[in-house]
N, C-alpha and C. Protein backbone atom coordinates (compact mmCIF):
# COMPACT_ATOMS: atom_id res chain seq x y z
N MET A 1 -89.66 -63.90 53.09
CA MET A 1 -89.13 -62.65 53.53
C MET A 1 -89.66 -61.37 52.76
N SER A 2 -90.39 -60.43 53.48
CA SER A 2 -90.72 -59.43 52.72
C SER A 2 -89.68 -58.31 52.33
N ALA A 3 -89.94 -57.62 51.52
CA ALA A 3 -88.99 -56.40 51.28
C ALA A 3 -88.58 -55.61 52.48
N HIS A 4 -89.67 -55.52 53.23
CA HIS A 4 -89.49 -54.61 54.53
C HIS A 4 -88.56 -55.18 55.55
N ASP A 5 -88.71 -56.44 55.48
CA ASP A 5 -87.83 -57.23 56.54
C ASP A 5 -86.23 -57.35 56.06
N ARG A 6 -85.88 -57.13 54.94
CA ARG A 6 -84.61 -57.27 54.31
C ARG A 6 -83.71 -56.05 54.80
N THR A 7 -82.46 -56.59 55.24
CA THR A 7 -81.28 -55.66 55.43
C THR A 7 -80.49 -55.69 54.20
N PRO A 8 -80.14 -54.39 53.76
CA PRO A 8 -79.52 -54.22 52.46
C PRO A 8 -78.15 -55.10 52.50
N LEU A 9 -77.83 -55.80 51.37
CA LEU A 9 -76.71 -56.55 51.25
C LEU A 9 -75.44 -55.65 50.99
N ARG A 10 -74.30 -56.06 51.43
CA ARG A 10 -73.05 -55.18 50.87
C ARG A 10 -72.77 -55.69 49.58
N PRO A 11 -72.08 -54.89 48.66
CA PRO A 11 -71.82 -55.07 47.54
C PRO A 11 -70.88 -56.45 47.42
N GLY A 12 -71.28 -57.38 46.64
CA GLY A 12 -70.30 -58.68 46.59
C GLY A 12 -71.07 -59.92 47.58
N SER A 13 -71.84 -59.49 48.37
CA SER A 13 -72.38 -60.25 49.44
C SER A 13 -73.47 -61.31 48.68
N VAL A 14 -73.62 -62.33 49.15
CA VAL A 14 -74.63 -63.44 48.42
C VAL A 14 -75.44 -63.78 49.73
N LEU A 15 -76.61 -64.02 49.69
CA LEU A 15 -77.61 -64.27 50.65
C LEU A 15 -78.52 -65.36 50.03
N LEU A 16 -78.45 -66.36 50.94
CA LEU A 16 -79.61 -67.44 50.62
C LEU A 16 -80.80 -67.27 51.56
N HIS A 17 -81.97 -67.26 51.16
CA HIS A 17 -83.07 -67.42 51.97
C HIS A 17 -84.05 -68.83 51.66
N TRP A 18 -84.27 -69.44 52.66
CA TRP A 18 -85.32 -70.66 52.54
C TRP A 18 -86.33 -70.44 53.34
N ALA A 19 -87.31 -71.02 52.93
CA ALA A 19 -88.61 -71.23 53.68
C ALA A 19 -89.40 -72.20 53.24
N PRO A 20 -90.22 -72.77 54.22
CA PRO A 20 -90.93 -74.07 53.82
C PRO A 20 -91.85 -73.89 52.60
N ALA A 21 -92.11 -74.71 51.86
CA ALA A 21 -93.00 -74.54 50.39
C ALA A 21 -94.12 -75.30 50.84
N PRO A 22 -95.47 -74.80 50.23
CA PRO A 22 -96.64 -75.64 50.70
C PRO A 22 -96.71 -76.80 50.41
N ALA A 23 -95.80 -77.34 49.18
CA ALA A 23 -95.99 -78.79 49.02
C ALA A 23 -94.94 -79.65 49.75
N GLY A 24 -94.47 -78.89 50.80
CA GLY A 24 -93.59 -79.79 51.70
C GLY A 24 -92.12 -79.65 51.37
N GLY A 25 -91.72 -79.15 50.31
CA GLY A 25 -90.25 -79.00 50.36
C GLY A 25 -89.73 -77.40 50.84
N MET A 26 -88.54 -76.99 50.09
CA MET A 26 -88.16 -75.73 50.62
C MET A 26 -88.12 -74.81 49.20
N ASP A 27 -88.53 -73.68 49.54
CA ASP A 27 -88.34 -72.58 48.44
C ASP A 27 -87.12 -71.87 48.87
N VAL A 28 -86.13 -71.68 48.03
CA VAL A 28 -84.84 -71.17 48.11
C VAL A 28 -84.66 -70.12 47.20
N THR A 29 -84.04 -68.97 47.60
CA THR A 29 -83.75 -67.75 46.71
C THR A 29 -82.42 -67.42 47.12
N ALA A 30 -81.56 -66.95 46.05
CA ALA A 30 -80.12 -66.44 46.27
C ALA A 30 -80.37 -65.04 45.69
N ARG A 31 -79.72 -64.17 46.51
CA ARG A 31 -79.67 -62.77 46.26
C ARG A 31 -78.10 -62.27 46.19
N LEU A 32 -77.72 -61.33 45.29
CA LEU A 32 -76.57 -60.75 45.21
C LEU A 32 -76.67 -59.30 45.64
N GLY A 33 -75.70 -58.70 46.48
CA GLY A 33 -75.60 -57.23 46.67
C GLY A 33 -74.91 -56.61 45.72
N LEU A 34 -75.26 -55.81 44.88
CA LEU A 34 -74.31 -54.83 44.06
C LEU A 34 -74.20 -53.44 44.72
N ALA A 35 -73.36 -52.78 43.97
CA ALA A 35 -73.02 -51.28 44.56
C ALA A 35 -74.19 -50.50 44.64
N SER A 36 -75.22 -50.61 43.47
CA SER A 36 -76.34 -49.68 43.62
C SER A 36 -77.68 -50.37 43.68
N MET A 37 -77.67 -51.68 43.95
CA MET A 37 -78.95 -52.42 44.13
C MET A 37 -78.66 -53.94 44.50
N GLU A 38 -79.76 -54.64 44.64
CA GLU A 38 -79.74 -56.09 44.84
C GLU A 38 -80.36 -56.77 43.82
N VAL A 39 -80.15 -57.86 43.38
CA VAL A 39 -80.46 -58.61 42.48
C VAL A 39 -80.71 -60.25 42.98
N THR A 40 -81.74 -60.66 42.30
CA THR A 40 -82.03 -62.11 42.65
C THR A 40 -81.40 -62.86 41.41
N LEU A 41 -80.38 -63.81 42.13
CA LEU A 41 -79.75 -64.73 41.24
C LEU A 41 -80.39 -65.77 40.71
N ALA A 42 -81.23 -66.31 41.63
CA ALA A 42 -81.90 -67.47 41.33
C ALA A 42 -82.80 -67.80 42.26
N THR A 43 -83.88 -68.57 41.94
CA THR A 43 -85.02 -69.18 42.99
C THR A 43 -85.09 -70.63 42.45
N TRP A 44 -85.28 -71.32 43.42
CA TRP A 44 -85.49 -72.81 43.45
C TRP A 44 -86.63 -73.05 44.05
N PRO A 45 -87.90 -73.27 43.67
CA PRO A 45 -89.09 -73.62 44.37
C PRO A 45 -89.17 -74.99 44.69
N ASN A 46 -89.74 -75.18 45.74
CA ASN A 46 -90.35 -76.61 46.19
C ASN A 46 -89.09 -77.72 46.19
N LEU A 47 -87.72 -77.22 46.67
CA LEU A 47 -86.73 -78.34 46.53
C LEU A 47 -87.04 -79.31 47.73
N HIS A 48 -86.78 -80.57 47.40
CA HIS A 48 -87.20 -81.64 48.34
C HIS A 48 -85.61 -82.42 48.75
N GLY A 49 -85.44 -82.81 50.01
CA GLY A 49 -84.41 -83.49 50.38
C GLY A 49 -83.21 -82.55 50.51
N GLU A 50 -82.06 -83.09 50.12
CA GLU A 50 -80.76 -82.32 50.22
C GLU A 50 -80.58 -81.47 48.97
N TRP A 51 -81.01 -79.84 49.25
CA TRP A 51 -80.93 -79.10 48.21
C TRP A 51 -79.44 -78.39 47.99
N THR A 52 -78.64 -78.57 48.88
CA THR A 52 -77.44 -77.64 48.66
C THR A 52 -76.60 -78.13 47.34
N PRO A 53 -76.66 -79.52 47.02
CA PRO A 53 -75.87 -79.70 45.62
C PRO A 53 -76.52 -78.92 44.26
N VAL A 54 -77.81 -78.55 44.46
CA VAL A 54 -78.60 -77.89 43.44
C VAL A 54 -78.23 -76.24 43.48
N VAL A 55 -77.91 -75.76 44.64
CA VAL A 55 -77.74 -74.35 45.00
C VAL A 55 -76.26 -74.07 44.73
N HIS A 56 -75.53 -74.88 45.33
CA HIS A 56 -73.81 -74.67 45.43
C HIS A 56 -73.47 -74.23 44.01
N PRO A 57 -73.72 -74.88 42.94
CA PRO A 57 -72.98 -74.36 41.76
C PRO A 57 -73.26 -72.91 41.33
N THR A 58 -74.42 -72.59 41.59
CA THR A 58 -74.71 -71.14 41.13
C THR A 58 -74.05 -70.13 42.23
N LEU A 59 -73.81 -70.64 43.33
CA LEU A 59 -73.11 -69.60 44.23
C LEU A 59 -71.54 -69.58 43.97
N LEU A 60 -70.98 -70.61 43.48
CA LEU A 60 -69.68 -70.75 43.24
C LEU A 60 -69.37 -69.95 42.04
N GLU A 61 -70.39 -69.92 40.92
CA GLU A 61 -70.27 -69.12 39.84
C GLU A 61 -70.23 -67.72 40.13
N THR A 62 -71.22 -67.29 41.01
CA THR A 62 -71.39 -65.81 41.51
C THR A 62 -70.10 -65.35 42.15
N MET A 63 -69.58 -66.20 43.05
CA MET A 63 -68.42 -65.78 43.73
C MET A 63 -67.30 -65.62 42.82
N GLY A 64 -67.05 -66.49 41.75
CA GLY A 64 -65.99 -66.42 40.97
C GLY A 64 -66.10 -65.24 40.04
N LEU A 65 -67.42 -65.02 39.56
CA LEU A 65 -67.74 -63.67 38.71
C LEU A 65 -67.34 -62.52 39.54
N HIS A 66 -67.61 -62.50 40.91
CA HIS A 66 -67.36 -61.21 41.52
C HIS A 66 -65.95 -61.03 41.73
N ALA A 67 -65.28 -62.17 41.97
CA ALA A 67 -63.81 -62.04 42.20
C ALA A 67 -63.15 -61.67 40.91
N ALA A 68 -63.67 -62.09 39.75
CA ALA A 68 -63.11 -61.56 38.40
C ALA A 68 -63.40 -60.04 38.25
N LEU A 69 -64.45 -59.64 38.63
CA LEU A 69 -64.78 -58.22 38.36
C LEU A 69 -64.06 -57.44 39.32
N SER A 70 -63.81 -57.76 40.56
CA SER A 70 -62.93 -57.00 41.45
C SER A 70 -61.66 -57.03 40.94
N VAL A 71 -60.90 -57.96 40.54
CA VAL A 71 -59.60 -57.71 39.76
C VAL A 71 -59.74 -56.87 38.65
N ALA A 72 -60.76 -56.92 37.71
CA ALA A 72 -60.89 -55.96 36.77
C ALA A 72 -60.95 -54.67 37.29
N ILE A 73 -61.67 -54.31 38.04
CA ILE A 73 -61.70 -53.11 38.51
C ILE A 73 -60.46 -52.28 39.12
N ASP A 74 -59.75 -53.43 39.95
CA ASP A 74 -58.39 -52.96 40.56
C ASP A 74 -57.47 -52.76 39.33
N ALA A 75 -57.45 -53.40 38.33
CA ALA A 75 -56.62 -53.18 37.22
C ALA A 75 -56.92 -52.06 36.42
N LEU A 76 -58.27 -51.53 36.37
CA LEU A 76 -58.56 -50.33 35.58
C LEU A 76 -58.09 -49.24 36.52
N ARG A 77 -58.39 -49.38 37.65
CA ARG A 77 -57.76 -48.21 38.70
C ARG A 77 -56.46 -48.22 38.60
N LEU A 78 -55.53 -49.28 38.62
CA LEU A 78 -54.02 -48.99 38.61
C LEU A 78 -53.80 -48.44 37.13
N ALA A 79 -54.23 -48.75 36.05
CA ALA A 79 -54.08 -48.38 34.83
C ALA A 79 -54.26 -46.89 34.77
N SER A 80 -55.34 -46.33 35.25
CA SER A 80 -55.81 -44.97 35.31
C SER A 80 -54.80 -44.36 36.19
N HIS A 81 -54.27 -44.68 37.22
CA HIS A 81 -53.34 -43.93 37.95
C HIS A 81 -52.05 -43.92 37.26
N LEU A 82 -51.53 -44.93 36.76
CA LEU A 82 -50.26 -45.05 35.92
C LEU A 82 -50.40 -44.20 34.81
N ALA A 83 -51.44 -43.97 34.10
CA ALA A 83 -51.62 -43.03 33.06
C ALA A 83 -51.49 -41.68 33.34
N ARG A 84 -51.93 -41.34 34.66
CA ARG A 84 -51.87 -39.87 35.32
C ARG A 84 -50.35 -39.49 35.76
N VAL A 85 -49.73 -40.44 36.02
CA VAL A 85 -48.30 -40.23 36.59
C VAL A 85 -47.19 -39.88 35.46
């Protein structure tokens, strides 16, 4: 997938992209949408067979991190609001 073909990800969204690898496996890439940019979380080149058990832990960790950051941001907003009242 070229940069031109990409649709921007919403903040907190995770996108998996996979394409056939030259050696017969799958090249898998995980991307994360942030508020100001997108980042590549991981790439797994030339995965063979059932590759979801390899990819799944990274996605779970990312979703957990995003949830924790969301709670922290909400807590900071609440604390800031209460400080002004």
